[in-house]
Amino acid sequence: MANATTSTVELIKEEDDKYSFNTTSTFRSQELKFSPGVEFMEKRMDGAEVSTVVTLEGNKMIQLQKVIKLKKF
């Protein structure tokens, strides 16, 4: 039987309209720093490399990712 894991996610608005999105789990942690509407490269927790853009629409934060390279297992 597999054990359940939980993640903690924290979104921090920093100065100059920049954000920090922190995800912490039992096995891995990741910090993303970004400005809305500005494309950046990200290595996801599953190992995939993606091009990411985060936009704000009202009270929603929308993240669009385009896969650049998948991790091969």
Protein backbone atom coordinates (compact mmCIF):
# COMPACT_ATOMS: atom_id res chain seq x y z
CA MET A 1 0.00 0.00 0.00
CA ALA A 2 1.34 3.41 -0.98
CA ASN A 3 1.68 6.19 1.56
CA ALA A 4 -0.10 9.46 0.96
CA THR A 5 1.95 12.61 0.63
CA THR A 6 0.81 16.16 1.13
CA SER A 7 2.12 19.39 -0.30
CA THR A 8 2.21 22.88 1.11
CA VAL A 9 1.86 25.71 -1.39
CA GLU A 10 2.67 29.34 -0.60
CA LEU A 11 2.23 32.34 -2.90
CA ILE A 12 4.08 35.53 -1.95
CA LYS A 13 3.74 38.88 -3.71
CA GLU A 14 7.12 40.56 -3.70
CA GLU A 15 8.11 44.06 -4.74
CA ASP A 16 7.85 45.35 -8.31
CA ASP A 17 4.87 43.10 -9.22
CA LYS A 18 6.92 39.91 -8.82
CA TYR A 19 5.71 36.72 -7.18
CA SER A 20 7.26 33.71 -5.48
CA PHE A 21 5.37 30.40 -5.62
CA ASN A 22 6.76 27.83 -3.19
CA THR A 23 5.74 24.16 -3.13
CA THR A 24 7.02 21.88 -0.38
CA SER A 25 6.31 18.15 -0.05
CA THR A 26 7.80 15.23 1.81
CA PHE A 27 10.15 14.41 -1.06
CA ARG A 28 10.83 17.66 -2.94
CA SER A 29 10.58 21.40 -2.75
CA GLN A 30 10.40 23.96 -5.52
CA GLU A 31 10.45 27.76 -5.68
CA LEU A 32 9.29 29.70 -8.74
CA LYS A 33 9.91 33.42 -9.03
CA PHE A 34 8.05 35.19 -11.82
CA SER A 35 6.42 38.37 -13.08
CA PRO A 36 2.92 38.05 -14.56
CA GLY A 37 2.91 37.95 -18.37
CA VAL A 38 6.68 37.31 -18.63
CA GLU A 39 7.75 33.93 -20.04
CA PHE A 40 10.32 31.92 -18.06
CA MET A 41 11.89 28.47 -18.17
CA GLU A 42 10.92 26.02 -15.45
CA LYS A 43 12.06 22.55 -14.46
CA ARG A 44 8.99 20.91 -12.98
CA MET A 45 9.09 18.55 -10.02
CA ASP A 46 8.56 15.61 -12.44
CA GLY A 47 11.78 16.59 -14.24
CA ALA A 48 10.16 18.02 -17.40
CA GLU A 49 11.53 21.31 -18.77
CA VAL A 50 8.79 23.74 -19.75
CA SER A 51 8.32 27.30 -20.93
CA THR A 52 5.85 28.96 -18.55
CA VAL A 53 3.77 32.14 -18.56
CA VAL A 54 1.58 33.13 -15.61
CA THR A 55 -1.13 35.74 -16.15
CA LEU A 56 -3.60 37.41 -13.79
CA GLU A 57 -7.26 37.58 -14.80
CA GLY A 58 -9.32 39.25 -12.09
CA ASN A 59 -8.78 37.16 -8.97
CA LYS A 60 -7.43 34.17 -10.95
CA MET A 61 -3.83 33.24 -11.65
CA ILE A 62 -3.53 31.25 -14.90
CA GLN A 63 -0.38 29.22 -15.68
CA LEU A 64 0.32 28.08 -19.25
CA GLN A 65 3.15 25.60 -19.86
CA LYS A 66 4.69 24.40 -23.12
CA VAL A 67 6.78 21.26 -22.81
CA ILE A 68 10.35 21.71 -24.09
CA LYS A 69 11.82 18.41 -22.90
CA LEU A 70 10.24 15.49 -21.07
CA LYS A 71 12.22 13.48 -18.55
CA LYS A 72 12.73 9.91 -19.72
CA PHE A 73 12.36 7.23 -17.09
